[in-house]
């Protein structure tokens, strides 16, 4: 198995870089990539990969961009870490991991809870790197039995708050994250300037009514090298469609769990039920 979409606490993951490597080793993964949001700090924290992990580590990153009003992500692989780490975008756009921004978001979530009558603990704070406001508020409000009815009605459960609410314009918890975002062309250029290749991340996670049409539009831009076909939010049918799509259009394929926290399973898509087939990368990664 492989897993080419993993986050550490340098962005919004819960584990540090070394713990991720140890977990990958314990799960017997052959190839992995750490793809933190808008930074490559994890790679500077690993002194000797083989001390913790015997497989192969592909240098990677996940960059946000805006396409026709849709906030999307690009995965970059085989990048030169030293080169991309000096890019102004990575140097200047670590704000989404800062305590100041996350605590501002947390206050907004609390104000929404006040309006909806959802109980939360006093003095909630985002206190450490890698902690996200949406996780803090969700993890807190689900502990109150008094909230059970309204949370069930709103489908607020242990997972999925980010996509189902914070990124969903129909939710009262929605935060517009599209302001001052890069274009698909600029993020692709960053990756390619660092010697990397570009993959559109998790197409079916964007909750777009006709993602297949959007995919057809995007590939006409000639900026993609491939698409992430396996993902935790991709069903078996989604994965099969994307594999066929890539084969039809001569695109490379990748896959990852989008690992963030300990209760996820490395090396699996479809919420831990679909093994990520290592052969999908045979045409672009040789190890």
C-alpha atoms as a PDB file:
ATOM      1  CA  UNK A   1       0.000   0.000   0.000  1.00  0.00           C
ATOM      2  CA  UNK A   2       0.925   3.660  -0.398  1.00  0.00           C
ATOM      3  CA  UNK A   3      -0.336   6.971   0.990  1.00  0.00           C
ATOM      4  CA  UNK A   4       0.508  10.193  -0.815  1.00  0.00           C
ATOM      5  CA  UNK A   5      -1.696  12.591   1.150  1.00  0.00           C
ATOM      6  CA  UNK A   6      -0.612  12.966   4.775  1.00  0.00           C
ATOM      7  CA  UNK A   7      -0.698  15.985   7.105  1.00  0.00           C
ATOM      8  CA  UNK A   8       1.405  16.707  10.178  1.00  0.00           C
ATOM      9  CA  UNK A   9       0.964  19.308  12.897  1.00  0.00           C
ATOM     10  CA  UNK A  10       2.827  21.754  10.684  1.00  0.00           C
ATOM     11  CA  UNK A  11      -0.564  22.432   9.109  1.00  0.00           C
ATOM     12  CA  UNK A  12      -3.782  20.858  10.395  1.00  0.00           C
ATOM     13  CA  UNK A  13      -2.634  17.361  11.332  1.00  0.00           C
ATOM     14  CA  UNK A  14      -2.408  16.090  14.897  1.00  0.00           C
ATOM     15  CA  UNK A  15       0.888  14.157  14.766  1.00  0.00           C
ATOM     16  CA  UNK A  16       4.424  15.457  14.372  1.00  0.00           C
ATOM     17  CA  UNK A  17       6.610  14.446  11.432  1.00  0.00           C
ATOM     18  CA  UNK A  18       8.456  11.635  13.227  1.00  0.00           C
ATOM     19  CA  UNK A  19       5.232  10.123  14.571  1.00  0.00           C
ATOM     20  CA  UNK A  20       3.815  10.064  11.043  1.00  0.00           C
ATOM     21  CA  UNK A  21       6.878   8.198   9.771  1.00  0.00           C
ATOM     22  CA  UNK A  22       6.627   5.675  12.600  1.00  0.00           C
ATOM     23  CA  UNK A  23       2.943   5.125  11.879  1.00  0.00           C
ATOM     24  CA  UNK A  24       3.671   4.601   8.174  1.00  0.00           C
ATOM     25  CA  UNK A  25       6.324   2.029   9.108  1.00  0.00           C
ATOM     26  CA  UNK A  26       3.936   0.239  11.470  1.00  0.00           C
ATOM     27  CA  UNK A  27       1.366   0.052   8.662  1.00  0.00           C
ATOM     28  CA  UNK A  28       3.971  -1.361   6.242  1.00  0.00           C
ATOM     29  CA  UNK A  29       3.446   1.360   3.642  1.00  0.00           C
ATOM     30  CA  UNK A  30       5.880   1.203   0.722  1.00  0.00           C
ATOM     31  CA  UNK A  31       5.648   4.842  -0.385  1.00  0.00           C
ATOM     32  CA  UNK A  32       4.302   7.939   1.364  1.00  0.00           C
ATOM     33  CA  UNK A  33       4.272  11.703   0.948  1.00  0.00           C
ATOM     34  CA  UNK A  34       3.812  14.368   3.608  1.00  0.00           C
ATOM     35  CA  UNK A  35       1.667  17.048   1.982  1.00  0.00           C
ATOM     36  CA  UNK A  36       1.038  19.797   4.518  1.00  0.00           C
ATOM     37  CA  UNK A  37      -1.030  22.805   3.505  1.00  0.00           C
ATOM     38  CA  UNK A  38       1.082  25.604   2.032  1.00  0.00           C
ATOM     39  CA  UNK A  39       4.330  24.582   3.752  1.00  0.00           C
ATOM     40  CA  UNK A  40       7.099  21.978   3.680  1.00  0.00           C
ATOM     41  CA  UNK A  41       8.325  22.409   7.257  1.00  0.00           C
ATOM     42  CA  UNK A  42       7.980  18.686   8.017  1.00  0.00           C
ATOM     43  CA  UNK A  43      10.907  17.839   5.776  1.00  0.00           C
ATOM     44  CA  UNK A  44      13.306  20.027   7.745  1.00  0.00           C
ATOM     45  CA  UNK A  45      12.308  18.192  10.943  1.00  0.00           C
ATOM     46  CA  UNK A  46      13.359  14.730   9.746  1.00  0.00           C
ATOM     47  CA  UNK A  47      17.056  14.165  10.328  1.00  0.00           C
ATOM     48  CA  UNK A  48      17.272  10.562   9.141  1.00  0.00           C
ATOM     49  CA  UNK A  49      14.232   8.982   7.508  1.00  0.00           C
ATOM     50  CA  UNK A  50      15.529   5.415   7.748  1.00  0.00           C
ATOM     51  CA  UNK A  51      15.629   5.653  11.553  1.00  0.00           C
ATOM     52  CA  UNK A  52      11.830   5.705  11.566  1.00  0.00           C
ATOM     53  CA  UNK A  53      10.605   4.506   8.177  1.00  0.00           C
ATOM     54  CA  UNK A  54      12.030   1.948   5.733  1.00  0.00           C
ATOM     55  CA  UNK A  55       9.864   2.879   2.743  1.00  0.00           C
ATOM     56  CA  UNK A  56      10.207   5.752   0.293  1.00  0.00           C
ATOM     57  CA  UNK A  57       9.221   9.345   1.044  1.00  0.00           C
ATOM     58  CA  UNK A  58       8.187  11.482  -1.937  1.00  0.00           C
ATOM     59  CA  UNK A  59       8.665  15.201  -1.230  1.00  0.00           C
ATOM     60  CA  UNK A  60       5.216  16.785  -1.412  1.00  0.00           C
ATOM     61  CA  UNK A  61       2.988  19.741  -0.597  1.00  0.00           C
ATOM     62  CA  UNK A  62      -0.690  20.745  -0.864  1.00  0.00           C
ATOM     63  CA  UNK A  63      -1.441  24.246  -2.144  1.00  0.00           C
ATOM     64  CA  UNK A  64      -4.786  26.074  -2.157  1.00  0.00           C
ATOM     65  CA  UNK A  65      -6.120  27.784  -5.256  1.00  0.00           C
ATOM     66  CA  UNK A  66      -9.336  29.319  -6.538  1.00  0.00           C
ATOM     67  CA  UNK A  67     -10.983  28.101  -9.735  1.00  0.00           C
ATOM     68  CA  UNK A  68     -14.255  29.722 -10.884  1.00  0.00           C
ATOM     69  CA  UNK A  69     -15.191  30.507  -7.300  1.00  0.00           C
ATOM     70  CA  UNK A  70     -14.360  27.013  -6.023  1.00  0.00           C
ATOM     71  CA  UNK A  71     -11.638  26.712  -3.388  1.00  0.00           C
ATOM     72  CA  UNK A  72      -9.564  23.698  -4.429  1.00  0.00           C
ATOM     73  CA  UNK A  73      -6.210  22.074  -3.651  1.00  0.00           C
ATOM     74  CA  UNK A  74      -3.235  21.032  -5.747  1.00  0.00           C
ATOM     75  CA  UNK A  75      -0.882  18.266  -4.657  1.00  0.00           C
ATOM     76  CA  UNK A  76       2.723  18.662  -5.774  1.00  0.00           C
ATOM     77  CA  UNK A  77       5.134  15.705  -5.801  1.00  0.00           C
ATOM     78  CA  UNK A  78       8.830  15.208  -6.521  1.00  0.00           C
ATOM     79  CA  UNK A  79       9.439  18.815  -5.572  1.00  0.00           C
ATOM     80  CA  UNK A  80      12.772  20.338  -4.608  1.00  0.00           C
ATOM     81  CA  UNK A  81      12.080  21.145  -0.944  1.00  0.00           C
ATOM     82  CA  UNK A  82      14.821  23.774  -0.668  1.00  0.00           C
ATOM     83  CA  UNK A  83      13.623  25.587  -3.759  1.00  0.00           C
ATOM     84  CA  UNK A  84       9.893  25.632  -3.021  1.00  0.00           C
ATOM     85  CA  UNK A  85      10.456  26.601   0.624  1.00  0.00           C
ATOM     86  CA  UNK A  86      11.890  29.908  -0.625  1.00  0.00           C
ATOM     87  CA  UNK A  87       8.840  30.705  -2.757  1.00  0.00           C
ATOM     88  CA  UNK A  88       7.154  33.937  -1.550  1.00  0.00           C
ATOM     89  CA  UNK A  89       3.791  32.166  -1.389  1.00  0.00           C
ATOM     90  CA  UNK A  90       5.036  29.634   1.136  1.00  0.00           C
ATOM     91  CA  UNK A  91       6.962  32.274   3.055  1.00  0.00           C
ATOM     92  CA  UNK A  92       4.012  34.657   3.296  1.00  0.00           C
ATOM     93  CA  UNK A  93       0.991  32.370   3.466  1.00  0.00           C
ATOM     94  CA  UNK A  94       1.320  30.397   6.676  1.00  0.00           C
ATOM     95  CA  UNK A  95      -1.469  32.509   8.211  1.00  0.00           C
ATOM     96  CA  UNK A  96      -4.008  29.673   8.193  1.00  0.00           C
ATOM     97  CA  UNK A  97      -1.921  27.845  10.795  1.00  0.00           C
ATOM     98  CA  UNK A  98      -1.399  30.817  13.103  1.00  0.00           C
ATOM     99  CA  UNK A  99      -3.029  31.018  16.504  1.00  0.00           C
ATOM    100  CA  UNK A 100      -4.352  34.513  15.815  1.00  0.00           C
ATOM    101  CA  UNK A 101      -6.413  33.502  12.801  1.00  0.00           C
ATOM    102  CA  UNK A 102      -7.664  30.261  14.324  1.00  0.00           C
ATOM    103  CA  UNK A 103      -8.801  31.994  17.513  1.00  0.00           C
ATOM    104  CA  UNK A 104     -10.613  34.589  15.399  1.00  0.00           C
ATOM    105  CA  UNK A 105     -12.404  31.746  13.620  1.00  0.00           C
ATOM    106  CA  UNK A 106     -13.181  30.140  16.970  1.00  0.00           C
ATOM    107  CA  UNK A 107     -14.881  33.319  18.204  1.00  0.00           C
ATOM    108  CA  UNK A 108     -17.013  33.336  15.061  1.00  0.00           C
ATOM    109  CA  UNK A 109     -18.044  29.701  15.632  1.00  0.00           C
ATOM    110  CA  UNK A 110     -18.968  30.555  19.224  1.00  0.00           C
ATOM    111  CA  UNK A 111     -21.149  33.441  18.019  1.00  0.00           C
ATOM    112  CA  UNK A 112     -22.978  31.034  15.698  1.00  0.00           C
ATOM    113  CA  UNK A 113     -23.477  28.619  18.591  1.00  0.00           C
ATOM    114  CA  UNK A 114     -24.938  31.463  20.657  1.00  0.00           C
ATOM    115  CA  UNK A 115     -27.482  32.214  17.924  1.00  0.00           C
ATOM    116  CA  UNK A 116     -28.438  28.556  17.535  1.00  0.00           C
ATOM    117  CA  UNK A 117     -28.568  27.771  21.254  1.00  0.00           C
ATOM    118  CA  UNK A 118     -25.659  25.327  21.077  1.00  0.00           C
ATOM    119  CA  UNK A 119     -23.801  24.943  24.371  1.00  0.00           C
ATOM    120  CA  UNK A 120     -19.997  25.160  24.411  1.00  0.00           C
ATOM    121  CA  UNK A 121     -17.351  25.358  27.115  1.00  0.00           C
ATOM    122  CA  UNK A 122     -16.168  28.747  28.368  1.00  0.00           C
ATOM    123  CA  UNK A 123     -12.675  30.003  27.555  1.00  0.00           C
ATOM    124  CA  UNK A 124     -12.104  27.788  24.510  1.00  0.00           C
ATOM    125  CA  UNK A 125      -8.780  28.577  22.847  1.00  0.00           C
ATOM    126  CA  UNK A 126      -6.570  27.349  20.044  1.00  0.00           C
ATOM    127  CA  UNK A 127      -3.298  26.986  21.895  1.00  0.00           C
ATOM    128  CA  UNK A 128      -0.866  25.053  19.719  1.00  0.00           C
ATOM    129  CA  UNK A 129       0.428  24.793  16.186  1.00  0.00           C
ATOM    130  CA  UNK A 130      -1.604  22.459  14.021  1.00  0.00           C
ATOM    131  CA  UNK A 131      -4.780  22.928  16.055  1.00  0.00           C
ATOM    132  CA  UNK A 132      -7.738  24.208  14.033  1.00  0.00           C
ATOM    133  CA  UNK A 133     -10.714  26.203  15.296  1.00  0.00           C
ATOM    134  CA  UNK A 134     -13.221  23.974  13.505  1.00  0.00           C
ATOM    135  CA  UNK A 135     -11.814  20.923  15.313  1.00  0.00           C
ATOM    136  CA  UNK A 136     -11.830  22.687  18.693  1.00  0.00           C
ATOM    137  CA  UNK A 137     -15.461  23.796  18.492  1.00  0.00           C
ATOM    138  CA  UNK A 138     -16.724  20.496  17.058  1.00  0.00           C
ATOM    139  CA  UNK A 139     -14.862  18.355  19.593  1.00  0.00           C
ATOM    140  CA  UNK A 140     -16.296  20.490  22.386  1.00  0.00           C
ATOM    141  CA  UNK A 141     -19.958  20.823  21.383  1.00  0.00           C
ATOM    142  CA  UNK A 142     -20.420  17.105  20.692  1.00  0.00           C
ATOM    143  CA  UNK A 143     -19.602  16.371  24.345  1.00  0.00           C
ATOM    144  CA  UNK A 144     -22.777  18.109  25.598  1.00  0.00           C
ATOM    145  CA  UNK A 145     -25.832  15.862  25.693  1.00  0.00           C
ATOM    146  CA  UNK A 146     -27.999  19.006  25.569  1.00  0.00           C
ATOM    147  CA  UNK A 147     -26.730  19.607  22.026  1.00  0.00           C
ATOM    148  CA  UNK A 148     -27.538  16.130  20.741  1.00  0.00           C
ATOM    149  CA  UNK A 149     -30.825  16.982  19.043  1.00  0.00           C
ATOM    150  CA  UNK A 150     -29.685  20.070  17.136  1.00  0.00           C
ATOM    151  CA  UNK A 151     -26.313  18.549  16.212  1.00  0.00           C
ATOM    152  CA  UNK A 152     -28.090  15.489  14.800  1.00  0.00           C
ATOM    153  CA  UNK A 153     -30.443  17.765  12.869  1.00  0.00           C
ATOM    154  CA  UNK A 154     -27.467  19.692  11.424  1.00  0.00           C
ATOM    155  CA  UNK A 155     -25.454  16.517  10.831  1.00  0.00           C
ATOM    156  CA  UNK A 156     -22.618  17.722  13.042  1.00  0.00           C
ATOM    157  CA  UNK A 157     -20.735  14.586  13.967  1.00  0.00           C
ATOM    158  CA  UNK A 158     -17.227  13.656  15.053  1.00  0.00           C
ATOM    159  CA  UNK A 159     -15.811  14.158  11.558  1.00  0.00           C
ATOM    160  CA  UNK A 160     -16.610  16.276   8.538  1.00  0.00           C
ATOM    161  CA  UNK A 161     -17.223  19.649  10.187  1.00  0.00           C
ATOM    162  CA  UNK A 162     -14.690  21.398   7.932  1.00  0.00           C
ATOM    163  CA  UNK A 163     -16.235  20.271   4.630  1.00  0.00           C
ATOM    164  CA  UNK A 164     -19.875  20.064   5.741  1.00  0.00           C
ATOM    165  CA  UNK A 165     -20.002  23.373   7.590  1.00  0.00           C
ATOM    166  CA  UNK A 166     -16.948  25.651   7.613  1.00  0.00           C
ATOM    167  CA  UNK A 167     -16.562  25.335   3.809  1.00  0.00           C
ATOM    168  CA  UNK A 168     -20.272  25.024   3.043  1.00  0.00           C
ATOM    169  CA  UNK A 169     -21.960  28.331   2.078  1.00  0.00           C
ATOM    170  CA  UNK A 170     -25.319  26.882   3.152  1.00  0.00           C
ATOM    171  CA  UNK A 171     -24.143  26.362   6.737  1.00  0.00           C
ATOM    172  CA  UNK A 172     -24.334  29.109   9.393  1.00  0.00           C
ATOM    173  CA  UNK A 173     -20.761  28.101  10.321  1.00  0.00           C
ATOM    174  CA  UNK A 174     -19.491  28.992   6.829  1.00  0.00           C
ATOM    175  CA  UNK A 175     -16.323  31.068   6.579  1.00  0.00           C
ATOM    176  CA  UNK A 176     -15.446  32.488   3.170  1.00  0.00           C
ATOM    177  CA  UNK A 177     -11.902  31.333   2.500  1.00  0.00           C
ATOM    178  CA  UNK A 178     -11.731  32.431  -1.127  1.00  0.00           C
ATOM    179  CA  UNK A 179     -10.344  35.924  -0.514  1.00  0.00           C
ATOM    180  CA  UNK A 180      -6.872  36.609  -1.953  1.00  0.00           C
ATOM    181  CA  UNK A 181      -6.331  33.024  -3.065  1.00  0.00           C
ATOM    182  CA  UNK A 182      -3.904  31.994  -5.784  1.00  0.00           C
ATOM    183  CA  UNK A 183      -5.013  30.851  -9.236  1.00  0.00           C
ATOM    184  CA  UNK A 184      -4.618  27.337 -10.579  1.00  0.00           C
ATOM    185  CA  UNK A 185      -1.925  28.676 -12.898  1.00  0.00           C
ATOM    186  CA  UNK A 186       0.152  30.245 -10.122  1.00  0.00           C
ATOM    187  CA  UNK A 187       0.158  27.178  -7.844  1.00  0.00           C
ATOM    188  CA  UNK A 188       0.995  24.923 -10.778  1.00  0.00           C
ATOM    189  CA  UNK A 189       3.893  27.234 -11.638  1.00  0.00           C
ATOM    190  CA  UNK A 190       5.205  27.071  -8.052  1.00  0.00           C
ATOM    191  CA  UNK A 191       5.240  23.289  -8.180  1.00  0.00           C
ATOM    192  CA  UNK A 192       6.746  23.042 -11.642  1.00  0.00           C
ATOM    193  CA  UNK A 193       9.385  25.685 -10.863  1.00  0.00           C
ATOM    194  CA  UNK A 194      10.454  23.398  -8.024  1.00  0.00           C
ATOM    195  CA  UNK A 195      10.766  20.472 -10.441  1.00  0.00           C
ATOM    196  CA  UNK A 196       7.508  18.867  -9.348  1.00  0.00           C
ATOM    197  CA  UNK A 197       4.363  17.461 -10.934  1.00  0.00           C
ATOM    198  CA  UNK A 198       0.796  18.647 -10.291  1.00  0.00           C
ATOM    199  CA  UNK A 199      -2.198  16.570  -9.179  1.00  0.00           C
ATOM    200  CA  UNK A 200      -5.679  17.890  -8.501  1.00  0.00           C
ATOM    201  CA  UNK A 201      -6.562  16.823  -4.958  1.00  0.00           C
ATOM    202  CA  UNK A 202      -9.772  14.939  -3.988  1.00  0.00           C
ATOM    203  CA  UNK A 203     -12.225  16.088  -6.710  1.00  0.00           C
ATOM    204  CA  UNK A 204     -15.282  14.617  -4.980  1.00  0.00           C
ATOM    205  CA  UNK A 205     -14.589  16.443  -1.724  1.00  0.00           C
ATOM    206  CA  UNK A 206     -15.515  19.840  -3.168  1.00  0.00           C
ATOM    207  CA  UNK A 207     -19.281  19.246  -3.091  1.00  0.00           C
ATOM    208  CA  UNK A 208     -19.656  20.629  -6.616  1.00  0.00           C
ATOM    209  CA  UNK A 209     -22.909  19.537  -8.319  1.00  0.00           C
ATOM    210  CA  UNK A 210     -21.188  18.473 -11.569  1.00  0.00           C
ATOM    211  CA  UNK A 211     -17.562  17.773 -10.686  1.00  0.00           C
ATOM    212  CA  UNK A 212     -17.119  15.679 -13.837  1.00  0.00           C
ATOM    213  CA  UNK A 213     -17.860  18.774 -15.956  1.00  0.00           C
ATOM    214  CA  UNK A 214     -15.422  20.833 -13.874  1.00  0.00           C
ATOM    215  CA  UNK A 215     -12.745  18.180 -14.387  1.00  0.00           C
ATOM    216  CA  UNK A 216     -13.255  18.334 -18.144  1.00  0.00           C
ATOM    217  CA  UNK A 217     -12.838  22.123 -18.000  1.00  0.00           C
ATOM    218  CA  UNK A 218      -9.714  21.993 -15.851  1.00  0.00           C
ATOM    219  CA  UNK A 219      -7.827  19.491 -17.970  1.00  0.00           C
ATOM    220  CA  UNK A 220      -8.290  21.809 -20.947  1.00  0.00           C
ATOM    221  CA  UNK A 221      -6.096  24.333 -19.111  1.00  0.00           C
ATOM    222  CA  UNK A 222      -3.107  21.991 -19.577  1.00  0.00           C
ATOM    223  CA  UNK A 223      -1.748  22.544 -16.048  1.00  0.00           C
ATOM    224  CA  UNK A 224      -2.482  19.150 -14.491  1.00  0.00           C
ATOM    225  CA  UNK A 225      -0.192  16.148 -14.639  1.00  0.00           C
ATOM    226  CA  UNK A 226      -2.642  13.953 -12.771  1.00  0.00           C
ATOM    227  CA  UNK A 227      -5.541  13.517 -10.348  1.00  0.00           C
ATOM    228  CA  UNK A 228      -5.882  12.073  -6.843  1.00  0.00           C
ATOM    229  CA  UNK A 229      -8.110   9.049  -7.455  1.00  0.00           C
ATOM    230  CA  UNK A 230      -8.106   7.403  -4.007  1.00  0.00           C
ATOM    231  CA  UNK A 231      -9.187   9.570  -1.070  1.00  0.00           C
ATOM    232  CA  UNK A 232     -11.067   9.146   2.190  1.00  0.00           C
ATOM    233  CA  UNK A 233     -14.100  10.965   0.715  1.00  0.00           C
ATOM    234  CA  UNK A 234     -14.051   9.041  -2.581  1.00  0.00           C
ATOM    235  CA  UNK A 235     -16.339   6.046  -2.817  1.00  0.00           C
ATOM    236  CA  UNK A 236     -15.261   2.951  -4.714  1.00  0.00           C
ATOM    237  CA  UNK A 237     -17.372   4.196  -7.638  1.00  0.00           C
ATOM    238  CA  UNK A 238     -15.725   7.644  -7.487  1.00  0.00           C
ATOM    239  CA  UNK A 239     -12.292   6.036  -7.556  1.00  0.00           C
ATOM    240  CA  UNK A 240     -13.165   3.811 -10.489  1.00  0.00           C
ATOM    241  CA  UNK A 241     -14.536   6.779 -12.426  1.00  0.00           C
ATOM    242  CA  UNK A 242     -11.405   8.837 -11.812  1.00  0.00           C
ATOM    243  CA  UNK A 243      -9.086   5.990 -12.789  1.00  0.00           C
ATOM    244  CA  UNK A 244     -10.973   5.635 -16.080  1.00  0.00           C
ATOM    245  CA  UNK A 245     -10.926   9.419 -16.528  1.00  0.00           C
ATOM    246  CA  UNK A 246      -7.156   9.553 -16.065  1.00  0.00           C
ATOM    247  CA  UNK A 247      -6.618   6.635 -18.435  1.00  0.00           C
ATOM    248  CA  UNK A 248      -8.837   8.295 -21.040  1.00  0.00           C
ATOM    249  CA  UNK A 249      -6.989  11.612 -20.857  1.00  0.00           C
ATOM    250  CA  UNK A 250      -3.448  10.329 -20.338  1.00  0.00           C
ATOM    251  CA  UNK A 251      -3.192  11.680 -16.791  1.00  0.00           C
ATOM    252  CA  UNK A 252      -1.136  10.301 -13.935  1.00  0.00           C
ATOM    253  CA  UNK A 253      -2.818   8.966 -10.792  1.00  0.00           C
ATOM    254  CA  UNK A 254      -2.157   9.268  -7.066  1.00  0.00           C
ATOM    255  CA  UNK A 255      -4.026   8.439  -3.884  1.00  0.00           C
ATOM    256  CA  UNK A 256      -4.001   9.169  -0.181  1.00  0.00           C
ATOM    257  CA  UNK A 257      -5.985   8.941   3.012  1.00  0.00           C
ATOM    258  CA  UNK A 258      -5.757  12.708   3.679  1.00  0.00           C
ATOM    259  CA  UNK A 259      -4.478  11.653   7.091  1.00  0.00           C
ATOM    260  CA  UNK A 260      -4.980  14.175   9.890  1.00  0.00           C
ATOM    261  CA  UNK A 261      -5.501  12.297  13.154  1.00  0.00           C
ATOM    262  CA  UNK A 262      -4.792   9.036  14.920  1.00  0.00           C
ATOM    263  CA  UNK A 263      -8.134   7.345  14.312  1.00  0.00           C
ATOM    264  CA  UNK A 264      -7.651   7.472  10.544  1.00  0.00           C
ATOM    265  CA  UNK A 265      -5.999   4.555   8.758  1.00  0.00           C
ATOM    266  CA  UNK A 266      -2.976   5.271   6.598  1.00  0.00           C
ATOM    267  CA  UNK A 267      -3.013   3.663   3.176  1.00  0.00           C
ATOM    268  CA  UNK A 268      -6.796   3.550   2.703  1.00  0.00           C
ATOM    269  CA  UNK A 269      -9.394   5.603   0.846  1.00  0.00           C
ATOM    270  CA  UNK A 270     -13.189   5.576   1.177  1.00  0.00           C
ATOM    271  CA  UNK A 271     -13.120   6.153   4.937  1.00  0.00           C
ATOM    272  CA  UNK A 272     -10.662   3.355   5.625  1.00  0.00           C
ATOM    273  CA  UNK A 273     -12.299   0.664   3.486  1.00  0.00           C
ATOM    274  CA  UNK A 274     -10.377   0.803   0.187  1.00  0.00           C
ATOM    275  CA  UNK A 275      -6.683  -0.076   0.014  1.00  0.00           C
ATOM    276  CA  UNK A 276      -4.655   2.397  -2.037  1.00  0.00           C
ATOM    277  CA  UNK A 277      -3.167   0.345  -4.854  1.00  0.00           C
ATOM    278  CA  UNK A 278       0.555   1.008  -5.195  1.00  0.00           C
ATOM    279  CA  UNK A 279       0.508   0.195  -8.910  1.00  0.00           C
ATOM    280  CA  UNK A 280      -1.294   3.470  -9.728  1.00  0.00           C
ATOM    281  CA  UNK A 281       2.013   5.350  -9.485  1.00  0.00           C
ATOM    282  CA  UNK A 282       4.119   2.919 -11.507  1.00  0.00           C
ATOM    283  CA  UNK A 283       4.049   5.171 -14.571  1.00  0.00           C
ATOM    284  CA  UNK A 284       5.572   8.159 -12.793  1.00  0.00           C
ATOM    285  CA  UNK A 285       7.375   6.953  -9.665  1.00  0.00           C
ATOM    286  CA  UNK A 286       9.983   4.195  -9.732  1.00  0.00           C
ATOM    287  CA  UNK A 287      11.423   2.915  -6.449  1.00  0.00           C
END
